[in-house]
Amino acid sequence: MSVTKTVTINFYTILKAKVYNFINRSIIKYIIASILIVIVNPNLFGSMLKTAIGITLIIIFISLIIIVLSAKIQSNRLIFNAVIEFNNESIAIHHVGSKQKPEYKNWDWITSITEKNNEIWLKTNETRLRYINFDKKKLTVEELDFFRKQMKKYN
């Protein structure tokens, strides 16, 4: 069984991956940092609860601004349009409209596969293409089963 999908990296896909990463990895750290600030200065905004909420919102707002700006910068620098073929043994990346030679990777290139809400997220071990996500509604039952089997095998 193999799955062949076109992957295009643009501002929207980069932003979506950065927000996904922020929610999964960073938001708890920022909430803990807010709690520590509240412990040090509990009446910064009048009461302990207002201070906790205010600091958390300020930190998240600043983080989101940084995420949007970095996604915009990265989307201006990165051009990635490829047809990726996933099969049981390897992953083939065929760049569309580019003189780059096809890349062949083994499954070690994918560090994790996660199924969240209506999407399948594949995390790679490289910085230029950190996350690949597929809408489950656009996957056939066989393709979805393939990724679920890979998820069990490699997670």
Protein backbone atom coordinates (compact mmCIF):
# COMPACT_ATOMS: atom_id res chain seq x y z
CA MET A 1 0.00 0.00 0.00
CA SER A 2 1.22 3.48 -0.79
CA VAL A 3 -0.21 6.95 -0.31
CA THR A 4 0.66 9.74 -2.73
CA LYS A 5 -0.15 13.31 -1.77
CA THR A 6 0.83 16.76 -2.99
CA VAL A 7 2.31 18.93 -0.25
CA THR A 8 2.64 22.66 -0.77
CA ILE A 9 4.17 24.85 1.89
CA ASN A 10 2.78 28.37 2.09
CA PHE A 11 2.00 30.96 4.78
CA TYR A 12 -1.18 29.21 5.87
CA THR A 13 0.41 25.78 6.25
CA ILE A 14 3.43 27.19 8.10
CA LEU A 15 1.19 29.22 10.41
CA LYS A 16 -1.00 26.21 11.09
CA ALA A 17 2.04 24.07 11.97
CA LYS A 18 3.51 26.78 14.22
CA VAL A 19 0.22 27.23 16.10
CA TYR A 20 -0.11 23.44 16.44
CA ASN A 21 3.42 23.26 17.83
CA PHE A 22 2.77 26.19 20.19
CA ILE A 23 -0.38 24.61 21.59
CA ASN A 24 1.21 21.18 22.03
CA ARG A 25 4.59 22.21 23.41
CA SER A 26 4.66 25.77 24.71
CA ILE A 27 1.35 26.93 26.11
CA ILE A 28 1.73 24.96 29.36
CA LYS A 29 5.17 26.53 29.90
CA TYR A 30 3.72 30.02 29.45
CA ILE A 31 0.89 29.30 31.88
CA ILE A 32 3.43 28.09 34.45
CA ALA A 33 5.50 31.24 33.85
CA SER A 34 2.35 33.33 34.43
CA ILE A 35 1.68 31.52 37.69
CA LEU A 36 5.24 32.19 38.83
CA ILE A 37 4.85 35.90 38.03
CA VAL A 38 1.58 35.94 39.99
CA ILE A 39 3.32 34.35 42.98
CA VAL A 40 6.03 37.04 42.90
CA ASN A 41 3.66 39.98 42.32
CA PRO A 42 0.04 38.89 42.96
CA ASN A 43 -1.62 42.33 42.82
CA LEU A 44 -0.12 43.59 39.57
CA PHE A 45 -3.60 44.03 38.00
CA GLY A 46 -5.60 44.45 41.20
CA SER A 47 -6.15 40.86 42.29
CA MET A 48 -4.41 37.53 42.00
CA LEU A 49 -6.96 36.15 39.48
CA LYS A 50 -6.86 39.26 37.28
CA THR A 51 -3.07 39.22 37.35
CA ALA A 52 -2.92 35.54 36.38
CA ILE A 53 -5.36 35.99 33.51
CA GLY A 54 -3.77 39.26 32.36
CA ILE A 55 -0.21 37.96 32.35
CA THR A 56 -1.27 34.75 30.55
CA LEU A 57 -3.13 36.71 27.87
CA ILE A 58 -0.24 39.14 27.39
CA ILE A 59 2.26 36.31 27.00
CA ILE A 60 0.02 34.39 24.57
CA PHE A 61 -0.71 37.56 22.56
CA ILE A 62 2.99 38.38 22.20
CA SER A 63 3.74 34.75 21.29
CA LEU A 64 1.06 34.74 18.59
CA ILE A 65 2.44 37.94 17.09
CA ILE A 66 5.89 36.35 16.95
CA ILE A 67 4.43 33.17 15.43
CA VAL A 68 2.61 35.11 12.68
CA LEU A 69 5.69 37.21 11.86
CA SER A 70 8.00 34.20 11.75
CA ALA A 71 5.51 32.28 9.59
CA LYS A 72 5.40 35.23 7.17
CA ILE A 73 9.20 35.45 7.00
CA GLN A 74 9.56 31.69 6.59
CA SER A 75 6.90 31.54 3.87
CA ASN A 76 8.73 34.25 1.91
CA ARG A 77 11.99 32.28 2.09
CA LEU A 78 10.74 28.72 1.69
CA ILE A 79 9.42 27.33 -1.56
CA PHE A 80 8.28 23.74 -1.22
CA ASN A 81 5.90 22.05 -3.62
CA ALA A 82 6.23 18.31 -3.91
CA VAL A 83 4.42 15.08 -4.47
CA ILE A 84 5.23 12.79 -1.56
CA GLU A 85 4.75 9.06 -1.88
CA PHE A 86 4.54 7.14 1.38
CA ASN A 87 4.86 3.37 1.27
CA ASN A 88 5.66 0.75 3.89
CA GLU A 89 9.42 0.86 3.30
CA SER A 90 10.26 4.44 2.32
CA ILE A 91 9.11 7.96 1.51
CA ALA A 92 9.78 9.49 -1.90
CA ILE A 93 9.67 13.27 -2.38
CA HIS A 94 9.30 14.43 -5.98
CA HIS A 95 9.69 18.21 -6.23
CA VAL A 96 7.22 19.85 -8.62
CA GLY A 97 8.47 22.57 -10.94
CA SER A 98 12.00 22.36 -9.62
CA LYS A 99 15.28 20.99 -10.90
CA GLN A 100 15.87 19.23 -7.58
CA LYS A 101 16.31 15.51 -7.80
CA PRO A 102 13.80 13.31 -6.02
CA GLU A 103 14.61 12.63 -2.38
CA TYR A 104 14.21 9.20 -0.85
CA LYS A 105 13.84 8.90 2.90
CA ASN A 106 13.20 6.02 5.23
CA TRP A 107 10.60 6.18 7.99
CA ASP A 108 13.20 7.51 10.44
CA TRP A 109 12.56 10.86 8.74
CA ILE A 110 9.16 10.91 10.47
CA THR A 111 9.60 11.27 14.22
CA SER A 112 5.92 11.01 15.13
CA ILE A 113 2.47 10.64 13.64
CA THR A 114 -0.47 12.10 15.51
CA GLU A 115 -4.18 12.01 14.82
CA LYS A 116 -5.87 15.12 16.21
CA ASN A 117 -9.44 16.16 15.54
CA ASN A 118 -9.83 16.08 11.76
CA GLU A 119 -6.16 15.88 10.83
CA ILE A 120 -3.19 13.56 10.64
CA TRP A 121 0.08 15.29 11.66
CA LEU A 122 3.47 13.92 10.64
CA LYS A 123 6.46 15.46 12.40
CA THR A 124 9.72 15.28 10.50
CA ASN A 125 13.25 15.57 11.85
CA GLU A 126 14.22 18.60 9.76
CA THR A 127 13.63 22.30 10.21
CA ARG A 128 12.54 23.37 6.74
CA LEU A 129 9.62 20.95 6.70
CA ARG A 130 8.81 20.35 10.36
CA TYR A 131 5.19 19.23 10.04
CA ILE A 132 3.11 17.70 7.29
CA ASN A 133 -0.59 17.50 7.91
CA PHE A 134 -3.46 15.96 6.01
CA ASP A 135 -7.14 16.64 6.42
CA LYS A 136 -8.80 13.32 7.25
CA LYS A 137 -11.80 14.27 5.11
CA LYS A 138 -9.52 14.36 2.07
CA LEU A 139 -8.01 10.94 2.79
CA THR A 140 -9.60 7.72 1.63
CA VAL A 141 -10.34 5.00 4.16
CA GLU A 142 -7.34 3.02 2.90
CA GLU A 143 -5.02 6.04 3.21
CA LEU A 144 -6.27 6.76 6.71
CA ASP A 145 -5.73 3.12 7.69
CA PHE A 146 -2.21 3.27 6.25
CA PHE A 147 -1.29 6.27 8.42
CA ARG A 148 -2.91 4.70 11.47
CA LYS A 149 -0.85 1.53 10.95
CA GLN A 150 2.29 3.63 10.59
CA MET A 151 1.30 5.54 13.73
CA LYS A 152 1.15 2.30 15.73
CA LYS A 153 4.44 1.13 14.25
CA TYR A 154 6.52 4.29 14.68
CA ASN A 155 5.12 6.09 17.73
